[in-house]
Amino acid sequence: MAGTGVSLVIAGTIRVPPENLEAFRPHMRAMLEASRAEDGCLEYAYAQDVAEPGLIRVFEAWRDQAALDAHFATPHLAAWRAAWPEFGVSDRRLIAYEVASQRAV
């Protein structure tokens, strides 16, 4: 996360019934592609938990709060959330972390 100031990392999980994962995958891909193209998006990823089917791990990094606020106002985010009931998406648990610096470990 280059630059000065505070970047934001969003990390957490959502749940999708395992039997709905394949049908939901195109929606996840569309959200990833649109979000990654946004100004201020440094990283945006989903990963299926190896030990727990249907648990999707979310990781996002944003340049700043303004970039995240703009993300929340996008049509693709509205479409993403609108698709959730059809696929049984639940238990959204996302936390924002303010990051002032970073280093390799």
N, C-alpha and C. Protein backbone atom coordinates (compact mmCIF):
# COMPACT_ATOMS: atom_id res chain seq x y z
N MET A 1 0.84 -1.17 0.00
CA MET A 1 0.00 0.00 0.00
C MET A 1 0.88 1.23 0.00
N ALA A 2 1.20 1.67 -1.16
CA ALA A 2 2.11 2.79 -1.30
C ALA A 2 1.39 4.09 -0.99
N GLY A 3 2.17 5.11 -0.74
CA GLY A 3 1.60 6.42 -0.52
C GLY A 3 1.56 6.76 0.95
N THR A 4 1.04 7.94 1.23
CA THR A 4 0.97 8.40 2.60
C THR A 4 -0.46 8.32 3.08
N GLY A 5 -0.64 8.49 4.38
CA GLY A 5 -1.97 8.45 4.93
C GLY A 5 -2.38 7.04 5.32
N VAL A 6 -3.64 6.89 5.58
CA VAL A 6 -4.17 5.63 6.09
C VAL A 6 -4.93 4.91 4.99
N SER A 7 -4.54 3.68 4.73
CA SER A 7 -5.29 2.82 3.81
C SER A 7 -6.27 2.01 4.64
N LEU A 8 -7.23 1.40 3.97
CA LEU A 8 -8.21 0.56 4.65
C LEU A 8 -8.13 -0.86 4.15
N VAL A 9 -8.17 -1.80 5.07
CA VAL A 9 -8.28 -3.21 4.74
C VAL A 9 -9.61 -3.68 5.27
N ILE A 10 -10.37 -4.36 4.44
CA ILE A 10 -11.64 -4.96 4.83
C ILE A 10 -11.42 -6.47 4.81
N ALA A 11 -11.71 -7.12 5.91
CA ALA A 11 -11.53 -8.57 5.97
C ALA A 11 -12.71 -9.17 6.71
N GLY A 12 -13.10 -10.37 6.28
CA GLY A 12 -14.20 -11.04 6.95
C GLY A 12 -14.76 -12.17 6.11
N THR A 13 -16.03 -12.46 6.34
CA THR A 13 -16.65 -13.61 5.69
C THR A 13 -18.10 -13.34 5.33
N ILE A 14 -18.57 -14.11 4.36
CA ILE A 14 -20.00 -14.26 4.09
C ILE A 14 -20.24 -15.76 3.95
N ARG A 15 -21.49 -16.16 4.03
CA ARG A 15 -21.83 -17.58 3.87
C ARG A 15 -22.79 -17.75 2.70
N VAL A 16 -22.56 -18.84 1.96
CA VAL A 16 -23.42 -19.22 0.85
C VAL A 16 -23.69 -20.71 1.02
N PRO A 17 -24.95 -21.14 0.95
CA PRO A 17 -25.17 -22.58 1.04
C PRO A 17 -24.31 -23.30 0.01
N PRO A 18 -23.58 -24.34 0.43
CA PRO A 18 -22.65 -25.02 -0.49
C PRO A 18 -23.29 -25.44 -1.81
N GLU A 19 -24.55 -25.81 -1.78
CA GLU A 19 -25.21 -26.25 -3.01
C GLU A 19 -25.47 -25.08 -3.97
N ASN A 20 -25.32 -23.84 -3.50
CA ASN A 20 -25.54 -22.66 -4.35
C ASN A 20 -24.24 -22.04 -4.85
N LEU A 21 -23.11 -22.56 -4.42
CA LEU A 21 -21.83 -21.91 -4.75
C LEU A 21 -21.57 -21.81 -6.25
N GLU A 22 -21.77 -22.89 -6.96
CA GLU A 22 -21.47 -22.84 -8.40
C GLU A 22 -22.36 -21.84 -9.13
N ALA A 23 -23.62 -21.79 -8.77
CA ALA A 23 -24.53 -20.83 -9.42
C ALA A 23 -24.20 -19.40 -9.02
N PHE A 24 -23.65 -19.22 -7.83
CA PHE A 24 -23.31 -17.88 -7.33
C PHE A 24 -21.96 -17.39 -7.86
N ARG A 25 -21.12 -18.30 -8.31
CA ARG A 25 -19.77 -17.95 -8.75
C ARG A 25 -19.74 -16.84 -9.81
N PRO A 26 -20.61 -16.83 -10.84
CA PRO A 26 -20.56 -15.72 -11.81
C PRO A 26 -20.84 -14.35 -11.17
N HIS A 27 -21.67 -14.32 -10.14
CA HIS A 27 -21.94 -13.06 -9.44
C HIS A 27 -20.70 -12.61 -8.67
N MET A 28 -19.99 -13.56 -8.06
CA MET A 28 -18.76 -13.22 -7.35
C MET A 28 -17.72 -12.69 -8.34
N ARG A 29 -17.59 -13.35 -9.48
CA ARG A 29 -16.61 -12.93 -10.48
C ARG A 29 -16.94 -11.52 -11.00
N ALA A 30 -18.21 -11.25 -11.28
CA ALA A 30 -18.60 -9.93 -11.77
C ALA A 30 -18.29 -8.85 -10.73
N MET A 31 -18.56 -9.15 -9.47
CA MET A 31 -18.27 -8.19 -8.40
C MET A 31 -16.76 -7.95 -8.30
N LEU A 32 -15.98 -9.01 -8.36
CA LEU A 32 -14.52 -8.87 -8.30
C LEU A 32 -14.00 -7.99 -9.44
N GLU A 33 -14.41 -8.30 -10.64
CA GLU A 33 -13.90 -7.57 -11.80
C GLU A 33 -14.27 -6.09 -11.74
N ALA A 34 -15.53 -5.79 -11.40
CA ALA A 34 -15.96 -4.40 -11.33
C ALA A 34 -15.26 -3.66 -10.20
N SER A 35 -15.13 -4.31 -9.05
CA SER A 35 -14.49 -3.65 -7.90
C SER A 35 -13.01 -3.42 -8.15
N ARG A 36 -12.33 -4.40 -8.73
CA ARG A 36 -10.89 -4.27 -9.01
C ARG A 36 -10.61 -3.13 -9.99
N ALA A 37 -11.57 -2.78 -10.82
CA ALA A 37 -11.41 -1.70 -11.80
C ALA A 37 -11.64 -0.32 -11.20
N GLU A 38 -12.14 -0.26 -9.98
CA GLU A 38 -12.44 1.03 -9.36
C GLU A 38 -11.17 1.78 -8.98
N ASP A 39 -11.23 3.10 -9.11
CA ASP A 39 -10.15 3.94 -8.63
C ASP A 39 -10.04 3.78 -7.12
N GLY A 40 -8.86 3.51 -6.64
CA GLY A 40 -8.65 3.38 -5.20
C GLY A 40 -8.72 1.97 -4.68
N CYS A 41 -9.10 1.01 -5.52
CA CYS A 41 -9.10 -0.39 -5.09
C CYS A 41 -7.69 -0.94 -5.27
N LEU A 42 -7.08 -1.36 -4.18
CA LEU A 42 -5.73 -1.91 -4.21
C LEU A 42 -5.74 -3.42 -4.32
N GLU A 43 -6.75 -4.04 -3.72
CA GLU A 43 -6.91 -5.49 -3.80
C GLU A 43 -8.35 -5.84 -3.45
N TYR A 44 -8.85 -6.89 -4.11
CA TYR A 44 -10.23 -7.33 -3.86
C TYR A 44 -10.27 -8.82 -4.16
N ALA A 45 -10.59 -9.64 -3.16
CA ALA A 45 -10.54 -11.08 -3.37
C ALA A 45 -11.58 -11.81 -2.53
N TYR A 46 -12.03 -12.93 -3.08
CA TYR A 46 -12.87 -13.88 -2.35
C TYR A 46 -12.15 -15.22 -2.40
N ALA A 47 -12.29 -16.00 -1.33
CA ALA A 47 -11.71 -17.34 -1.30
C ALA A 47 -12.63 -18.26 -0.51
N GLN A 48 -12.85 -19.44 -1.05
CA GLN A 48 -13.66 -20.43 -0.35
C GLN A 48 -12.82 -21.07 0.74
N ASP A 49 -13.34 -21.14 1.95
CA ASP A 49 -12.64 -21.75 3.06
C ASP A 49 -12.44 -23.25 2.79
N VAL A 50 -11.25 -23.74 3.00
CA VAL A 50 -10.92 -25.14 2.72
C VAL A 50 -11.65 -26.08 3.67
N ALA A 51 -11.78 -25.69 4.92
CA ALA A 51 -12.35 -26.58 5.93
C ALA A 51 -13.86 -26.46 6.10
N GLU A 52 -14.43 -25.37 5.60
CA GLU A 52 -15.85 -25.12 5.85
C GLU A 52 -16.57 -24.75 4.55
N PRO A 53 -17.19 -25.70 3.88
CA PRO A 53 -17.88 -25.42 2.62
C PRO A 53 -18.94 -24.32 2.79
N GLY A 54 -18.95 -23.41 1.85
CA GLY A 54 -19.92 -22.33 1.88
C GLY A 54 -19.45 -21.08 2.62
N LEU A 55 -18.32 -21.17 3.29
CA LEU A 55 -17.76 -19.99 3.96
C LEU A 55 -16.81 -19.31 2.97
N ILE A 56 -17.13 -18.07 2.61
CA ILE A 56 -16.34 -17.30 1.67
C ILE A 56 -15.57 -16.24 2.44
N ARG A 57 -14.27 -16.26 2.31
CA ARG A 57 -13.41 -15.27 2.96
C ARG A 57 -13.24 -14.08 2.02
N VAL A 58 -13.40 -12.90 2.58
CA VAL A 58 -13.35 -11.65 1.83
C VAL A 58 -12.12 -10.87 2.26
N PHE A 59 -11.39 -10.33 1.29
CA PHE A 59 -10.25 -9.47 1.58
C PHE A 59 -10.24 -8.32 0.58
N GLU A 60 -10.23 -7.11 1.11
CA GLU A 60 -10.21 -5.92 0.26
C GLU A 60 -9.17 -4.95 0.83
N ALA A 61 -8.54 -4.19 -0.04
CA ALA A 61 -7.67 -3.09 0.39
C ALA A 61 -8.02 -1.88 -0.46
N TRP A 62 -8.21 -0.76 0.21
CA TRP A 62 -8.62 0.49 -0.44
C TRP A 62 -7.63 1.60 -0.10
N ARG A 63 -7.40 2.49 -1.05
CA ARG A 63 -6.46 3.60 -0.87
C ARG A 63 -6.83 4.46 0.33
N ASP A 64 -8.13 4.72 0.49
CA ASP A 64 -8.58 5.59 1.58
C ASP A 64 -10.09 5.45 1.75
N GLN A 65 -10.61 6.15 2.75
CA GLN A 65 -12.05 6.08 3.04
C GLN A 65 -12.88 6.60 1.88
N ALA A 66 -12.39 7.62 1.19
CA ALA A 66 -13.13 8.17 0.05
C ALA A 66 -13.32 7.11 -1.03
N ALA A 67 -12.29 6.31 -1.30
CA ALA A 67 -12.40 5.25 -2.30
C ALA A 67 -13.42 4.20 -1.86
N LEU A 68 -13.40 3.86 -0.58
CA LEU A 68 -14.37 2.89 -0.06
C LEU A 68 -15.78 3.46 -0.13
N ASP A 69 -15.94 4.71 0.22
CA ASP A 69 -17.27 5.35 0.14
C ASP A 69 -17.79 5.33 -1.30
N ALA A 70 -16.90 5.60 -2.26
CA ALA A 70 -17.31 5.57 -3.66
C ALA A 70 -17.72 4.14 -4.06
N HIS A 71 -17.00 3.15 -3.56
CA HIS A 71 -17.33 1.74 -3.82
C HIS A 71 -18.75 1.43 -3.33
N PHE A 72 -19.08 1.91 -2.14
CA PHE A 72 -20.41 1.64 -1.57
C PHE A 72 -21.53 2.24 -2.41
N ALA A 73 -21.22 3.24 -3.23
CA ALA A 73 -22.25 3.91 -4.04
C ALA A 73 -22.35 3.36 -5.46
N THR A 74 -21.57 2.32 -5.80
CA THR A 74 -21.57 1.83 -7.18
C THR A 74 -22.78 0.96 -7.50
N PRO A 75 -23.20 0.98 -8.77
CA PRO A 75 -24.31 0.11 -9.18
C PRO A 75 -23.97 -1.38 -9.04
N HIS A 76 -22.70 -1.76 -9.25
CA HIS A 76 -22.37 -3.18 -9.13
C HIS A 76 -22.47 -3.68 -7.69
N LEU A 77 -22.23 -2.80 -6.70
CA LEU A 77 -22.42 -3.21 -5.31
C LEU A 77 -23.91 -3.40 -5.02
N ALA A 78 -24.75 -2.51 -5.54
CA ALA A 78 -26.19 -2.66 -5.35
C ALA A 78 -26.69 -3.95 -6.00
N ALA A 79 -26.22 -4.26 -7.20
CA ALA A 79 -26.62 -5.49 -7.88
C ALA A 79 -26.14 -6.72 -7.11
N TRP A 80 -24.93 -6.66 -6.58
CA TRP A 80 -24.35 -7.74 -5.78
C TRP A 80 -25.24 -8.06 -4.58
N ARG A 81 -25.57 -7.04 -3.84
CA ARG A 81 -26.40 -7.25 -2.64
C ARG A 81 -27.82 -7.69 -3.01
N ALA A 82 -28.32 -7.20 -4.14
CA ALA A 82 -29.67 -7.58 -4.57
C ALA A 82 -29.75 -9.07 -4.92
N ALA A 83 -28.63 -9.66 -5.33
CA ALA A 83 -28.60 -11.09 -5.69
C ALA A 83 -28.54 -12.00 -4.47
N TRP A 84 -28.18 -11.49 -3.34
CA TRP A 84 -27.98 -12.33 -2.15
C TRP A 84 -29.17 -13.19 -1.76
N PRO A 85 -30.39 -12.64 -1.68
CA PRO A 85 -31.51 -13.49 -1.24
C PRO A 85 -31.73 -14.71 -2.14
N GLU A 86 -31.59 -14.53 -3.44
CA GLU A 86 -31.80 -15.64 -4.38
C GLU A 86 -30.84 -16.79 -4.13
N PHE A 87 -29.63 -16.49 -3.68
CA PHE A 87 -28.61 -17.52 -3.49
C PHE A 87 -28.37 -17.88 -2.03
N GLY A 88 -29.14 -17.28 -1.13
CA GLY A 88 -29.03 -17.63 0.28
C GLY A 88 -27.81 -17.08 0.98
N VAL A 89 -27.26 -15.97 0.48
CA VAL A 89 -26.10 -15.37 1.13
C VAL A 89 -26.52 -14.85 2.50
N SER A 90 -25.71 -15.14 3.49
CA SER A 90 -26.06 -14.72 4.86
C SER A 90 -24.80 -14.48 5.67
N ASP A 91 -25.00 -14.09 6.89
CA ASP A 91 -23.96 -14.00 7.91
C ASP A 91 -22.76 -13.18 7.44
N ARG A 92 -23.05 -11.99 6.92
CA ARG A 92 -21.98 -11.09 6.47
C ARG A 92 -21.27 -10.54 7.69
N ARG A 93 -19.97 -10.79 7.78
CA ARG A 93 -19.16 -10.30 8.89
C ARG A 93 -17.88 -9.69 8.33
N LEU A 94 -17.92 -8.40 8.10
CA LEU A 94 -16.77 -7.69 7.55
C LEU A 94 -16.30 -6.63 8.54
N ILE A 95 -15.00 -6.52 8.68
CA ILE A 95 -14.40 -5.54 9.58
C ILE A 95 -13.44 -4.66 8.78
N ALA A 96 -13.47 -3.35 9.05
CA ALA A 96 -12.54 -2.42 8.42
C ALA A 96 -11.37 -2.17 9.38
N TYR A 97 -10.18 -2.26 8.82
CA TYR A 97 -8.96 -1.99 9.58
C TYR A 97 -8.25 -0.81 8.93
N GLU A 98 -7.86 0.17 9.74
CA GLU A 98 -7.09 1.29 9.25
C GLU A 98 -5.62 0.92 9.32
N VAL A 99 -4.91 1.07 8.20
CA VAL A 99 -3.52 0.64 8.11
C VAL A 99 -2.64 1.86 7.83
N ALA A 100 -1.77 2.18 8.78
CA ALA A 100 -0.89 3.32 8.62
C ALA A 100 0.44 2.96 7.97
N SER A 101 0.83 1.70 8.09
CA SER A 101 2.09 1.24 7.47
C SER A 101 2.00 -0.25 7.22
N GLN A 102 2.95 -0.76 6.47
CA GLN A 102 2.99 -2.20 6.21
C GLN A 102 4.43 -2.64 6.10
N ARG A 103 4.67 -3.93 6.32
CA ARG A 103 5.99 -4.51 6.18
C ARG A 103 5.85 -5.99 5.86
N ALA A 104 6.81 -6.54 5.19
CA ALA A 104 6.81 -7.98 4.89
C ALA A 104 7.13 -8.76 6.17
N VAL A 105 6.54 -9.93 6.28
CA VAL A 105 6.84 -10.78 7.44
C VAL A 105 7.37 -12.12 6.98
